[in-house]
Amino acid sequence: MKFLSWSPDYTPNTAMLDSLIALSKIALITDEVLNYKLNTWPADLQESKGFISNMDSNFEINWDTYSDNYRFKTNRIAVPDDTGPGHFPYDQKALLAQPKLEDMVERHRALSDEELLRI
């Protein structure tokens, strides 16, 4: 459950590429395929960031569906500053028995895999 909120992320250093494009020096690259890929890279990167943002938003929107059966405090991995168990009932079987949860997990996994292959 903890990693359900994880999304792929990539923040490249684009300073050199941005400079090549801005100064029109990218035309010096004669390999047409490479030239095209470098020219379209900024737009591809922006599209990827939008895709990941949508994944994060989708997670936040759907999370309320599961909050009745899931308590982060009860399920988190123990850390040195652990504040102890939660004070509210928690039914892991009820949470895991929800088809919507399985769908949400599978959708997030598939979208993450797709995005990792794309970037």
PDB file of N, CA and C in Angstrom:
ATOM      1  N   MET A   1       0.829  -1.191   0.000  1.00  0.00           N
ATOM      2  CA  MET A   1       0.000   0.000   0.000  1.00  0.00           C
ATOM      3  C   MET A   1       0.872   1.253   0.000  1.00  0.00           C
ATOM      4  N   LYS A   2       1.980   1.195   0.742  1.00  0.00           N
ATOM      5  CA  LYS A   2       2.849   2.364   0.822  1.00  0.00           C
ATOM      6  C   LYS A   2       3.356   2.765  -0.559  1.00  0.00           C
ATOM      7  N   PHE A   3       3.707   1.799  -1.379  1.00  0.00           N
ATOM      8  CA  PHE A   3       4.297   2.108  -2.673  1.00  0.00           C
ATOM      9  C   PHE A   3       3.259   2.360  -3.753  1.00  0.00           C
ATOM     10  N   LEU A   4       1.994   2.240  -3.415  1.00  0.00           N
ATOM     11  CA  LEU A   4       0.948   2.539  -4.382  1.00  0.00           C
ATOM     12  C   LEU A   4       0.982   4.011  -4.782  1.00  0.00           C
ATOM     13  N   SER A   5       1.464   4.844  -3.894  1.00  0.00           N
ATOM     14  CA  SER A   5       1.529   6.273  -4.194  1.00  0.00           C
ATOM     15  C   SER A   5       2.799   6.645  -4.965  1.00  0.00           C
ATOM     16  N   TRP A   6       3.685   5.680  -5.223  1.00  0.00           N
ATOM     17  CA  TRP A   6       4.919   5.949  -5.944  1.00  0.00           C
ATOM     18  C   TRP A   6       4.634   6.150  -7.427  1.00  0.00           C
ATOM     19  N   SER A   7       5.309   7.086  -8.023  1.00  0.00           N
ATOM     20  CA  SER A   7       5.234   7.309  -9.467  1.00  0.00           C
ATOM     21  C   SER A   7       6.651   7.438 -10.002  1.00  0.00           C
ATOM     22  N   PRO A   8       6.876   6.989 -11.237  1.00  0.00           N
ATOM     23  CA  PRO A   8       8.218   7.154 -11.808  1.00  0.00           C
ATOM     24  C   PRO A   8       8.544   8.633 -11.948  1.00  0.00           C
ATOM     25  N   ASP A   9       9.803   8.959 -11.854  1.00  0.00           N
ATOM     26  CA  ASP A   9      10.207  10.351 -11.967  1.00  0.00           C
ATOM     27  C   ASP A   9      11.589  10.401 -12.603  1.00  0.00           C
ATOM     28  N   TYR A  10      11.804  11.431 -13.378  1.00  0.00           N
ATOM     29  CA  TYR A  10      13.091  11.607 -14.040  1.00  0.00           C
ATOM     30  C   TYR A  10      13.291  13.097 -14.266  1.00  0.00           C
ATOM     31  N   THR A  11      14.386  13.623 -13.761  1.00  0.00           N
ATOM     32  CA  THR A  11      14.696  15.034 -13.951  1.00  0.00           C
ATOM     33  C   THR A  11      16.092  15.130 -14.566  1.00  0.00           C
ATOM     34  N   PRO A  12      16.152  15.183 -15.890  1.00  0.00           N
ATOM     35  CA  PRO A  12      17.462  15.228 -16.546  1.00  0.00           C
ATOM     36  C   PRO A  12      18.073  16.624 -16.508  1.00  0.00           C
ATOM     37  N   ASN A  13      19.357  16.665 -16.705  1.00  0.00           N
ATOM     38  CA  ASN A  13      20.050  17.942 -16.873  1.00  0.00           C
ATOM     39  C   ASN A  13      19.999  18.264 -18.362  1.00  0.00           C
ATOM     40  N   THR A  14      19.178  19.209 -18.738  1.00  0.00           N
ATOM     41  CA  THR A  14      18.972  19.527 -20.153  1.00  0.00           C
ATOM     42  C   THR A  14      19.689  20.803 -20.589  1.00  0.00           C
ATOM     43  N   ALA A  15      20.596  21.305 -19.782  1.00  0.00           N
ATOM     44  CA  ALA A  15      21.246  22.589 -20.085  1.00  0.00           C
ATOM     45  C   ALA A  15      21.934  22.583 -21.446  1.00  0.00           C
ATOM     46  N   MET A  16      22.687  21.548 -21.744  1.00  0.00           N
ATOM     47  CA  MET A  16      23.416  21.504 -23.014  1.00  0.00           C
ATOM     48  C   MET A  16      22.446  21.395 -24.189  1.00  0.00           C
ATOM     49  N   LEU A  17      21.459  20.533 -24.079  1.00  0.00           N
ATOM     50  CA  LEU A  17      20.486  20.369 -25.156  1.00  0.00           C
ATOM     51  C   LEU A  17      19.692  21.655 -25.365  1.00  0.00           C
ATOM     52  N   ASP A  18      19.261  22.265 -24.278  1.00  0.00           N
ATOM     53  CA  ASP A  18      18.521  23.531 -24.383  1.00  0.00           C
ATOM     54  C   ASP A  18      19.361  24.590 -25.093  1.00  0.00           C
ATOM     55  N   SER A  19      20.635  24.627 -24.770  1.00  0.00           N
ATOM     56  CA  SER A  19      21.543  25.597 -25.395  1.00  0.00           C
ATOM     57  C   SER A  19      21.701  25.311 -26.888  1.00  0.00           C
ATOM     58  N   LEU A  20      21.864  24.041 -27.253  1.00  0.00           N
ATOM     59  CA  LEU A  20      21.989  23.674 -28.669  1.00  0.00           C
ATOM     60  C   LEU A  20      20.755  24.083 -29.463  1.00  0.00           C
ATOM     61  N   ILE A  21      19.588  23.828 -28.874  1.00  0.00           N
ATOM     62  CA  ILE A  21      18.333  24.168 -29.559  1.00  0.00           C
ATOM     63  C   ILE A  21      18.176  25.681 -29.657  1.00  0.00           C
ATOM     64  N   ALA A  22      18.416  26.386 -28.558  1.00  0.00           N
ATOM     65  CA  ALA A  22      18.235  27.841 -28.534  1.00  0.00           C
ATOM     66  C   ALA A  22      19.173  28.551 -29.515  1.00  0.00           C
ATOM     67  N   LEU A  23      20.383  28.048 -29.644  1.00  0.00           N
ATOM     68  CA  LEU A  23      21.367  28.682 -30.530  1.00  0.00           C
ATOM     69  C   LEU A  23      21.332  28.117 -31.946  1.00  0.00           C
ATOM     70  N   SER A  24      20.348  27.263 -32.225  1.00  0.00           N
ATOM     71  CA  SER A  24      20.197  26.615 -33.543  1.00  0.00           C
ATOM     72  C   SER A  24      21.431  25.814 -33.945  1.00  0.00           C
ATOM     73  N   LYS A  25      22.169  25.354 -32.977  1.00  0.00           N
ATOM     74  CA  LYS A  25      23.356  24.531 -33.255  1.00  0.00           C
ATOM     75  C   LYS A  25      22.980  23.062 -33.448  1.00  0.00           C
ATOM     76  N   ILE A  26      21.767  22.720 -33.123  1.00  0.00           N
ATOM     77  CA  ILE A  26      21.317  21.332 -33.249  1.00  0.00           C
ATOM     78  C   ILE A  26      21.389  20.876 -34.705  1.00  0.00           C
ATOM     79  N   ALA A  27      21.318  21.829 -35.642  1.00  0.00           N
ATOM     80  CA  ALA A  27      21.379  21.499 -37.073  1.00  0.00           C
ATOM     81  C   ALA A  27      22.741  20.928 -37.459  1.00  0.00           C
ATOM     82  N   LEU A  28      23.745  21.136 -36.626  1.00  0.00           N
ATOM     83  CA  LEU A  28      25.069  20.583 -36.909  1.00  0.00           C
ATOM     84  C   LEU A  28      25.089  19.061 -36.789  1.00  0.00           C
ATOM     85  N   ILE A  29      24.104  18.519 -36.119  1.00  0.00           N
ATOM     86  CA  ILE A  29      24.007  17.058 -35.994  1.00  0.00           C
ATOM     87  C   ILE A  29      23.358  16.542 -37.270  1.00  0.00           C
ATOM     88  N   THR A  30      24.115  15.799 -38.038  1.00  0.00           N
ATOM     89  CA  THR A  30      23.645  15.378 -39.357  1.00  0.00           C
ATOM     90  C   THR A  30      22.839  14.085 -39.345  1.00  0.00           C
ATOM     91  N   ASP A  31      22.942  13.316 -38.282  1.00  0.00           N
ATOM     92  CA  ASP A  31      22.138  12.099 -38.177  1.00  0.00           C
ATOM     93  C   ASP A  31      20.681  12.524 -37.984  1.00  0.00           C
ATOM     94  N   GLU A  32      19.844  12.267 -38.994  1.00  0.00           N
ATOM     95  CA  GLU A  32      18.462  12.763 -38.974  1.00  0.00           C
ATOM     96  C   GLU A  32      17.644  12.193 -37.820  1.00  0.00           C
ATOM     97  N   VAL A  33      17.832  10.925 -37.526  1.00  0.00           N
ATOM     98  CA  VAL A  33      17.064  10.302 -36.437  1.00  0.00           C
ATOM     99  C   VAL A  33      17.458  10.920 -35.099  1.00  0.00           C
ATOM    100  N   LEU A  34      18.755  11.039 -34.863  1.00  0.00           N
ATOM    101  CA  LEU A  34      19.231  11.641 -33.620  1.00  0.00           C
ATOM    102  C   LEU A  34      18.799  13.098 -33.523  1.00  0.00           C
ATOM    103  N   ASN A  35      18.908  13.825 -34.616  1.00  0.00           N
ATOM    104  CA  ASN A  35      18.513  15.220 -34.641  1.00  0.00           C
ATOM    105  C   ASN A  35      17.035  15.370 -34.275  1.00  0.00           C
ATOM    106  N   TYR A  36      16.203  14.533 -34.867  1.00  0.00           N
ATOM    107  CA  TYR A  36      14.759  14.572 -34.581  1.00  0.00           C
ATOM    108  C   TYR A  36      14.497  14.259 -33.113  1.00  0.00           C
ATOM    109  N   LYS A  37      15.143  13.217 -32.600  1.00  0.00           N
ATOM    110  CA  LYS A  37      14.920  12.829 -31.201  1.00  0.00           C
ATOM    111  C   LYS A  37      15.366  13.929 -30.237  1.00  0.00           C
ATOM    112  N   LEU A  38      16.459  14.557 -30.529  1.00  0.00           N
ATOM    113  CA  LEU A  38      16.932  15.646 -29.669  1.00  0.00           C
ATOM    114  C   LEU A  38      15.998  16.860 -29.740  1.00  0.00           C
ATOM    115  N   ASN A  39      15.492  17.145 -30.925  1.00  0.00           N
ATOM    116  CA  ASN A  39      14.565  18.269 -31.081  1.00  0.00           C
ATOM    117  C   ASN A  39      13.232  18.026 -30.390  1.00  0.00           C
ATOM    118  N   THR A  40      12.793  16.791 -30.363  1.00  0.00           N
ATOM    119  CA  THR A  40      11.488  16.486 -29.751  1.00  0.00           C
ATOM    120  C   THR A  40      11.610  16.125 -28.266  1.00  0.00           C
ATOM    121  N   TRP A  41      12.828  16.003 -27.780  1.00  0.00           N
ATOM    122  CA  TRP A  41      13.035  15.611 -26.381  1.00  0.00           C
ATOM    123  C   TRP A  41      12.337  16.543 -25.383  1.00  0.00           C
ATOM    124  N   PRO A  42      12.450  17.867 -25.489  1.00  0.00           N
ATOM    125  CA  PRO A  42      11.776  18.731 -24.505  1.00  0.00           C
ATOM    126  C   PRO A  42      10.259  18.494 -24.450  1.00  0.00           C
ATOM    127  N   ALA A  43       9.632  18.333 -25.606  1.00  0.00           N
ATOM    128  CA  ALA A  43       8.182  18.090 -25.619  1.00  0.00           C
ATOM    129  C   ALA A  43       7.857  16.722 -25.030  1.00  0.00           C
ATOM    130  N   ASP A  44       8.684  15.720 -25.342  1.00  0.00           N
ATOM    131  CA  ASP A  44       8.473  14.381 -24.778  1.00  0.00           C
ATOM    132  C   ASP A  44       8.603  14.404 -23.261  1.00  0.00           C
ATOM    133  N   LEU A  45       9.588  15.132 -22.778  1.00  0.00           N
ATOM    134  CA  LEU A  45       9.797  15.232 -21.333  1.00  0.00           C
ATOM    135  C   LEU A  45       8.607  15.927 -20.664  1.00  0.00           C
ATOM    136  N   GLN A  46       8.110  16.984 -21.272  1.00  0.00           N
ATOM    137  CA  GLN A  46       6.946  17.693 -20.723  1.00  0.00           C
ATOM    138  C   GLN A  46       5.716  16.788 -20.705  1.00  0.00           C
ATOM    139  N   GLU A  47       5.536  16.027 -21.769  1.00  0.00           N
ATOM    140  CA  GLU A  47       4.414  15.084 -21.833  1.00  0.00           C
ATOM    141  C   GLU A  47       4.534  14.036 -20.736  1.00  0.00           C
ATOM    142  N   SER A  48       5.735  13.562 -20.497  1.00  0.00           N
ATOM    143  CA  SER A  48       5.970  12.573 -19.451  1.00  0.00           C
ATOM    144  C   SER A  48       5.626  13.143 -18.076  1.00  0.00           C
ATOM    145  N   LYS A  49       6.027  14.376 -17.825  1.00  0.00           N
ATOM    146  CA  LYS A  49       5.720  15.006 -16.535  1.00  0.00           C
ATOM    147  C   LYS A  49       4.210  15.165 -16.355  1.00  0.00           C
ATOM    148  N   GLY A  50       3.497  15.503 -17.440  1.00  0.00           N
ATOM    149  CA  GLY A  50       2.042  15.602 -17.370  1.00  0.00           C
ATOM    150  C   GLY A  50       1.399  14.257 -17.091  1.00  0.00           C
ATOM    151  N   PHE A  51       1.913  13.223 -17.715  1.00  0.00           N
ATOM    152  CA  PHE A  51       1.412  11.865 -17.513  1.00  0.00           C
ATOM    153  C   PHE A  51       1.578  11.445 -16.053  1.00  0.00           C
ATOM    154  N   ILE A  52       2.751  11.696 -15.496  1.00  0.00           N
ATOM    155  CA  ILE A  52       3.020  11.330 -14.107  1.00  0.00           C
ATOM    156  C   ILE A  52       2.151  12.152 -13.162  1.00  0.00           C
ATOM    157  N   SER A  53       1.946  13.415 -13.466  1.00  0.00           N
ATOM    158  CA  SER A  53       1.074  14.255 -12.663  1.00  0.00           C
ATOM    159  C   SER A  53      -0.357  13.701 -12.658  1.00  0.00           C
ATOM    160  N   ASN A  54      -0.821  13.228 -13.813  1.00  0.00           N
ATOM    161  CA  ASN A  54      -2.151  12.619 -13.882  1.00  0.00           C
ATOM    162  C   ASN A  54      -2.229  11.347 -13.059  1.00  0.00           C
ATOM    163  N   MET A  55      -1.160  10.555 -13.077  1.00  0.00           N
ATOM    164  CA  MET A  55      -1.127   9.346 -12.245  1.00  0.00           C
ATOM    165  C   MET A  55      -1.264   9.718 -10.771  1.00  0.00           C
ATOM    166  N   ASP A  56      -0.513  10.726 -10.355  1.00  0.00           N
ATOM    167  CA  ASP A  56      -0.565  11.157  -8.955  1.00  0.00           C
ATOM    168  C   ASP A  56      -1.959  11.665  -8.585  1.00  0.00           C
ATOM    169  N   SER A  57      -2.570  12.436  -9.477  1.00  0.00           N
ATOM    170  CA  SER A  57      -3.912  12.958  -9.220  1.00  0.00           C
ATOM    171  C   SER A  57      -4.931  11.829  -9.130  1.00  0.00           C
ATOM    172  N   ASN A  58      -4.804  10.858 -10.013  1.00  0.00           N
ATOM    173  CA  ASN A  58      -5.714   9.714 -10.013  1.00  0.00           C
ATOM    174  C   ASN A  58      -5.609   8.950  -8.698  1.00  0.00           C
ATOM    175  N   PHE A  59      -4.385   8.802  -8.202  1.00  0.00           N
ATOM    176  CA  PHE A  59      -4.183   8.131  -6.915  1.00  0.00           C
ATOM    177  C   PHE A  59      -4.887   8.898  -5.801  1.00  0.00           C
ATOM    178  N   GLU A  60      -4.697  10.199  -5.765  1.00  0.00           N
ATOM    179  CA  GLU A  60      -5.302  11.025  -4.715  1.00  0.00           C
ATOM    180  C   GLU A  60      -6.828  10.972  -4.776  1.00  0.00           C
ATOM    181  N   ILE A  61      -7.386  11.039  -5.967  1.00  0.00           N
ATOM    182  CA  ILE A  61      -8.842  11.006  -6.128  1.00  0.00           C
ATOM    183  C   ILE A  61      -9.414   9.681  -5.634  1.00  0.00           C
ATOM    184  N   ASN A  62      -8.759   8.573  -5.964  1.00  0.00           N
ATOM    185  CA  ASN A  62      -9.272   7.248  -5.608  1.00  0.00           C
ATOM    186  C   ASN A  62      -8.971   6.832  -4.182  1.00  0.00           C
ATOM    187  N   TRP A  63      -8.031   7.502  -3.549  1.00  0.00           N
ATOM    188  CA  TRP A  63      -7.613   7.058  -2.228  1.00  0.00           C
ATOM    189  C   TRP A  63      -8.749   7.090  -1.193  1.00  0.00           C
ATOM    190  N   ASP A  64      -9.629   8.058  -1.290  1.00  0.00           N
ATOM    191  CA  ASP A  64     -10.723   8.154  -0.323  1.00  0.00           C
ATOM    192  C   ASP A  64     -11.585   6.895  -0.293  1.00  0.00           C
ATOM    193  N   THR A  65     -11.659   6.195  -1.406  1.00  0.00           N
ATOM    194  CA  THR A  65     -12.438   4.961  -1.484  1.00  0.00           C
ATOM    195  C   THR A  65     -11.933   3.929  -0.479  1.00  0.00           C
ATOM    196  N   TYR A  66     -10.643   3.947  -0.179  1.00  0.00           N
ATOM    197  CA  TYR A  66     -10.045   2.907   0.656  1.00  0.00           C
ATOM    198  C   TYR A  66      -9.755   3.350   2.080  1.00  0.00           C
ATOM    199  N   SER A  67      -9.954   4.604   2.375  1.00  0.00           N
ATOM    200  CA  SER A  67      -9.559   5.109   3.687  1.00  0.00           C
ATOM    201  C   SER A  67     -10.353   4.505   4.843  1.00  0.00           C
ATOM    202  N   ASP A  68     -11.545   3.990   4.578  1.00  0.00           N
ATOM    203  CA  ASP A  68     -12.312   3.356   5.653  1.00  0.00           C
ATOM    204  C   ASP A  68     -11.648   2.069   6.130  1.00  0.00           C
ATOM    205  N   ASN A  69     -10.878   1.422   5.284  1.00  0.00           N
ATOM    206  CA  ASN A  69     -10.275   0.142   5.630  1.00  0.00           C
ATOM    207  C   ASN A  69      -8.758   0.172   5.757  1.00  0.00           C
ATOM    208  N   TYR A  70      -8.158   1.303   5.524  1.00  0.00           N
ATOM    209  CA  TYR A  70      -6.700   1.374   5.553  1.00  0.00           C
ATOM    210  C   TYR A  70      -6.244   2.482   6.491  1.00  0.00           C
ATOM    211  N   ARG A  71      -5.290   2.164   7.324  1.00  0.00           N
ATOM    212  CA  ARG A  71      -4.700   3.152   8.225  1.00  0.00           C
ATOM    213  C   ARG A  71      -3.198   3.150   8.015  1.00  0.00           C
ATOM    214  N   PHE A  72      -2.674   4.240   7.481  1.00  0.00           N
ATOM    215  CA  PHE A  72      -1.239   4.330   7.219  1.00  0.00           C
ATOM    216  C   PHE A  72      -0.443   4.092   8.491  1.00  0.00           C
ATOM    217  N   LYS A  73      -0.872   4.680   9.583  1.00  0.00           N
ATOM    218  CA  LYS A  73      -0.148   4.549  10.840  1.00  0.00           C
ATOM    219  C   LYS A  73      -0.028   3.089  11.257  1.00  0.00           C
ATOM    220  N   THR A  74      -1.064   2.317  11.058  1.00  0.00           N
ATOM    221  CA  THR A  74      -1.056   0.918  11.449  1.00  0.00           C
ATOM    222  C   THR A  74      -0.152   0.085  10.547  1.00  0.00           C
ATOM    223  N   ASN A  75      -0.020   0.469   9.297  1.00  0.00           N
ATOM    224  CA  ASN A  75       0.676  -0.353   8.318  1.00  0.00           C
ATOM    225  C   ASN A  75       2.063   0.099   7.936  1.00  0.00           C
ATOM    226  N   ARG A  76       2.478   1.229   8.392  1.00  0.00           N
ATOM    227  CA  ARG A  76       3.774   1.713   7.931  1.00  0.00           C
ATOM    228  C   ARG A  76       4.918   0.846   8.447  1.00  0.00           C
ATOM    229  N   ILE A  77       6.009   0.912   7.747  1.00  0.00           N
ATOM    230  CA  ILE A  77       7.201   0.176   8.144  1.00  0.00           C
ATOM    231  C   ILE A  77       7.765   0.859   9.379  1.00  0.00           C
ATOM    232  N   ALA A  78       8.157   0.062  10.360  1.00  0.00           N
ATOM    233  CA  ALA A  78       8.659   0.627  11.613  1.00  0.00           C
ATOM    234  C   ALA A  78       9.882   1.495  11.358  1.00  0.00           C
ATOM    235  N   VAL A  79       9.889   2.655  11.967  1.00  0.00           N
ATOM    236  CA  VAL A  79      11.014   3.575  11.893  1.00  0.00           C
ATOM    237  C   VAL A  79      11.376   3.978  13.314  1.00  0.00           C
ATOM    238  N   PRO A  80      12.567   4.505  13.533  1.00  0.00           N
ATOM    239  CA  PRO A  80      12.981   4.843  14.912  1.00  0.00           C
ATOM    240  C   PRO A  80      12.020   5.749  15.669  1.00  0.00           C
ATOM    241  N   ASP A  81      11.348   6.671  14.989  1.00  0.00           N
ATOM    242  CA  ASP A  81      10.453   7.587  15.698  1.00  0.00           C
ATOM    243  C   ASP A  81       9.002   7.106  15.662  1.00  0.00           C
ATOM    244  N   ASP A  82       8.806   5.792  15.588  1.00  0.00           N
ATOM    245  CA  ASP A  82       7.473   5.218  15.516  1.00  0.00           C
ATOM    246  C   ASP A  82       6.639   5.670  16.730  1.00  0.00           C
ATOM    247  N   THR A  83       5.421   6.104  16.454  1.00  0.00           N
ATOM    248  CA  THR A  83       4.561   6.614  17.531  1.00  0.00           C
ATOM    249  C   THR A  83       3.590   5.567  18.045  1.00  0.00           C
ATOM    250  N   GLY A  84       3.770   4.326  17.662  1.00  0.00           N
ATOM    251  CA  GLY A  84       2.923   3.255  18.158  1.00  0.00           C
ATOM    252  C   GLY A  84       1.768   2.947  17.232  1.00  0.00           C
ATOM    253  N   PRO A  85       0.945   1.982  17.640  1.00  0.00           N
ATOM    254  CA  PRO A  85      -0.168   1.539  16.794  1.00  0.00           C
ATOM    255  C   PRO A  85      -1.259   2.599  16.681  1.00  0.00           C
ATOM    256  N   GLY A  86      -2.078   2.463  15.651  1.00  0.00           N
ATOM    257  CA  GLY A  86      -3.198   3.372  15.464  1.00  0.00           C
ATOM    258  C   GLY A  86      -4.263   3.156  16.527  1.00  0.00           C
ATOM    259  N   HIS A  87      -5.135   4.110  16.679  1.00  0.00           N
ATOM    260  CA  HIS A  87      -6.182   4.048  17.692  1.00  0.00           C
ATOM    261  C   HIS A  87      -7.524   3.672  17.113  1.00  0.00           C
ATOM    262  N   PHE A  88      -7.567   3.339  15.826  1.00  0.00           N
ATOM    263  CA  PHE A  88      -8.824   3.014  15.174  1.00  0.00           C
ATOM    264  C   PHE A  88      -8.749   1.594  14.625  1.00  0.00           C
ATOM    265  N   PRO A  89      -9.892   0.926  14.521  1.00  0.00           N
ATOM    266  CA  PRO A  89      -9.873  -0.443  14.003  1.00  0.00           C
ATOM    267  C   PRO A  89      -9.370  -0.486  12.560  1.00  0.00           C
ATOM    268  N   TYR A  90      -8.719  -1.588  12.247  1.00  0.00           N
ATOM    269  CA  TYR A  90      -8.173  -1.770  10.906  1.00  0.00           C
ATOM    270  C   TYR A  90      -8.444  -3.200  10.475  1.00  0.00           C
ATOM    271  N   ASP A  91      -9.004  -3.360   9.305  1.00  0.00           N
ATOM    272  CA  ASP A  91      -9.328  -4.687   8.801  1.00  0.00           C
ATOM    273  C   ASP A  91      -8.635  -4.878   7.459  1.00  0.00           C
ATOM    274  N   GLN A  92      -7.461  -5.486   7.503  1.00  0.00           N
ATOM    275  CA  GLN A  92      -6.676  -5.676   6.287  1.00  0.00           C
ATOM    276  C   GLN A  92      -7.404  -6.571   5.287  1.00  0.00           C
ATOM    277  N   LYS A  93      -8.106  -7.592   5.777  1.00  0.00           N
ATOM    278  CA  LYS A  93      -8.836  -8.483   4.869  1.00  0.00           C
ATOM    279  C   LYS A  93      -9.921  -7.722   4.120  1.00  0.00           C
ATOM    280  N   ALA A  94     -10.619  -6.828   4.811  1.00  0.00           N
ATOM    281  CA  ALA A  94     -11.658  -6.034   4.144  1.00  0.00           C
ATOM    282  C   ALA A  94     -11.040  -5.137   3.074  1.00  0.00           C
ATOM    283  N   LEU A  95      -9.892  -4.572   3.371  1.00  0.00           N
ATOM    284  CA  LEU A  95      -9.213  -3.714   2.403  1.00  0.00           C
ATOM    285  C   LEU A  95      -8.803  -4.513   1.172  1.00  0.00           C
ATOM    286  N   LEU A  96      -8.146  -5.638   1.387  1.00  0.00           N
ATOM    287  CA  LEU A  96      -7.618  -6.425   0.271  1.00  0.00           C
ATOM    288  C   LEU A  96      -8.705  -7.156  -0.506  1.00  0.00           C
ATOM    289  N   ALA A  97      -9.902  -7.252   0.051  1.00  0.00           N
ATOM    290  CA  ALA A  97     -11.002  -7.933  -0.633  1.00  0.00           C
ATOM    291  C   ALA A  97     -11.741  -7.017  -1.613  1.00  0.00           C
ATOM    292  N   GLN A  98     -11.349  -5.778  -1.699  1.00  0.00           N
ATOM    293  CA  GLN A  98     -12.040  -4.826  -2.569  1.00  0.00           C
ATOM    294  C   GLN A  98     -11.525  -4.925  -4.007  1.00  0.00           C
ATOM    295  N   PRO A  99     -12.403  -5.292  -4.948  1.00  0.00           N
ATOM    296  CA  PRO A  99     -11.989  -5.331  -6.358  1.00  0.00           C
ATOM    297  C   PRO A  99     -11.481  -3.974  -6.853  1.00  0.00           C
ATOM    298  N   LYS A 100     -12.030  -2.887  -6.323  1.00  0.00           N
ATOM    299  CA  LYS A 100     -11.581  -1.551  -6.739  1.00  0.00           C
ATOM    300  C   LYS A 100     -10.118  -1.323  -6.359  1.00  0.00           C
ATOM    301  N   LEU A 101      -9.714  -1.863  -5.219  1.00  0.00           N
ATOM    302  CA  LEU A 101      -8.322  -1.717  -4.809  1.00  0.00           C
ATOM    303  C   LEU A 101      -7.418  -2.485  -5.767  1.00  0.00           C
ATOM    304  N   GLU A 102      -7.799  -3.709  -6.091  1.00  0.00           N
ATOM    305  CA  GLU A 102      -6.998  -4.490  -7.025  1.00  0.00           C
ATOM    306  C   GLU A 102      -6.879  -3.755  -8.367  1.00  0.00           C
ATOM    307  N   ASP A 103      -7.985  -3.185  -8.819  1.00  0.00           N
ATOM    308  CA  ASP A 103      -7.969  -2.443 -10.073  1.00  0.00           C
ATOM    309  C   ASP A 103      -7.059  -1.223  -9.976  1.00  0.00           C
ATOM    310  N   MET A 104      -7.134  -0.510  -8.867  1.00  0.00           N
ATOM    311  CA  MET A 104      -6.311   0.678  -8.687  1.00  0.00           C
ATOM    312  C   MET A 104      -4.825   0.304  -8.674  1.00  0.00           C
ATOM    313  N   VAL A 105      -4.481  -0.769  -7.972  1.00  0.00           N
ATOM    314  CA  VAL A 105      -3.087  -1.209  -7.898  1.00  0.00           C
ATOM    315  C   VAL A 105      -2.597  -1.633  -9.278  1.00  0.00           C
ATOM    316  N   GLU A 106      -3.401  -2.418  -9.980  1.00  0.00           N
ATOM    317  CA  GLU A 106      -2.989  -2.900 -11.300  1.00  0.00           C
ATOM    318  C   GLU A 106      -2.853  -1.749 -12.297  1.00  0.00           C
ATOM    319  N   ARG A 107      -3.776  -0.803 -12.256  1.00  0.00           N
ATOM    320  CA  ARG A 107      -3.702   0.349 -13.155  1.00  0.00           C
ATOM    321  C   ARG A 107      -2.441   1.155 -12.878  1.00  0.00           C
ATOM    322  N   HIS A 108      -2.149   1.360 -11.600  1.00  0.00           N
ATOM    323  CA  HIS A 108      -0.964   2.134 -11.236  1.00  0.00           C
ATOM    324  C   HIS A 108       0.310   1.401 -11.676  1.00  0.00           C
ATOM    325  N   ARG A 109       0.339   0.092 -11.477  1.00  0.00           N
ATOM    326  CA  ARG A 109       1.498  -0.701 -11.891  1.00  0.00           C
ATOM    327  C   ARG A 109       1.687  -0.632 -13.405  1.00  0.00           C
ATOM    328  N   ALA A 110       0.608  -0.825 -14.148  1.00  0.00           N
ATOM    329  CA  ALA A 110       0.692  -0.820 -15.607  1.00  0.00           C
ATOM    330  C   ALA A 110       1.114   0.553 -16.138  1.00  0.00           C
ATOM    331  N   LEU A 111       0.538   1.610 -15.597  1.00  0.00           N
ATOM    332  CA  LEU A 111       0.901   2.959 -16.033  1.00  0.00           C
ATOM    333  C   LEU A 111       2.355   3.290 -15.686  1.00  0.00           C
ATOM    334  N   SER A 112       2.792   2.843 -14.515  1.00  0.00           N
ATOM    335  CA  SER A 112       4.182   3.072 -14.119  1.00  0.00           C
ATOM    336  C   SER A 112       5.130   2.338 -15.057  1.00  0.00           C
ATOM    337  N   ASP A 113       4.819   1.077 -15.360  1.00  0.00           N
ATOM    338  CA  ASP A 113       5.651   0.312 -16.286  1.00  0.00           C
ATOM    339  C   ASP A 113       5.691   0.975 -17.661  1.00  0.00           C
ATOM    340  N   GLU A 114       4.543   1.420 -18.134  1.00  0.00           N
ATOM    341  CA  GLU A 114       4.474   2.068 -19.437  1.00  0.00           C
ATOM    342  C   GLU A 114       5.328   3.329 -19.470  1.00  0.00           C
ATOM    343  N   GLU A 115       5.240   4.117 -18.425  1.00  0.00           N
ATOM    344  CA  GLU A 115       5.981   5.367 -18.387  1.00  0.00           C
ATOM    345  C   GLU A 115       7.477   5.115 -18.253  1.00  0.00           C
ATOM    346  N   LEU A 116       7.861   4.120 -17.479  1.00  0.00           N
ATOM    347  CA  LEU A 116       9.284   3.811 -17.337  1.00  0.00           C
ATOM    348  C   LEU A 116       9.880   3.357 -18.678  1.00  0.00           C
ATOM    349  N   LEU A 117       9.100   2.645 -19.455  1.00  0.00           N
ATOM    350  CA  LEU A 117       9.578   2.217 -20.770  1.00  0.00           C
ATOM    351  C   LEU A 117       9.666   3.394 -21.745  1.00  0.00           C
ATOM    352  N   ARG A 118       8.802   4.382 -21.544  1.00  0.00           N
ATOM    353  CA  ARG A 118       8.740   5.517 -22.450  1.00  0.00           C
ATOM    354  C   ARG A 118       9.881   6.510 -22.212  1.00  0.00           C
ATOM    355  N   ILE A 119      10.284   6.672 -20.944  1.00  0.00           N
ATOM    356  CA  ILE A 119      11.310   7.695 -20.664  1.00  0.00           C
ATOM    357  C   ILE A 119      12.706   7.160 -20.687  1.00  0.00           C
TER     358      ILE A 119
END
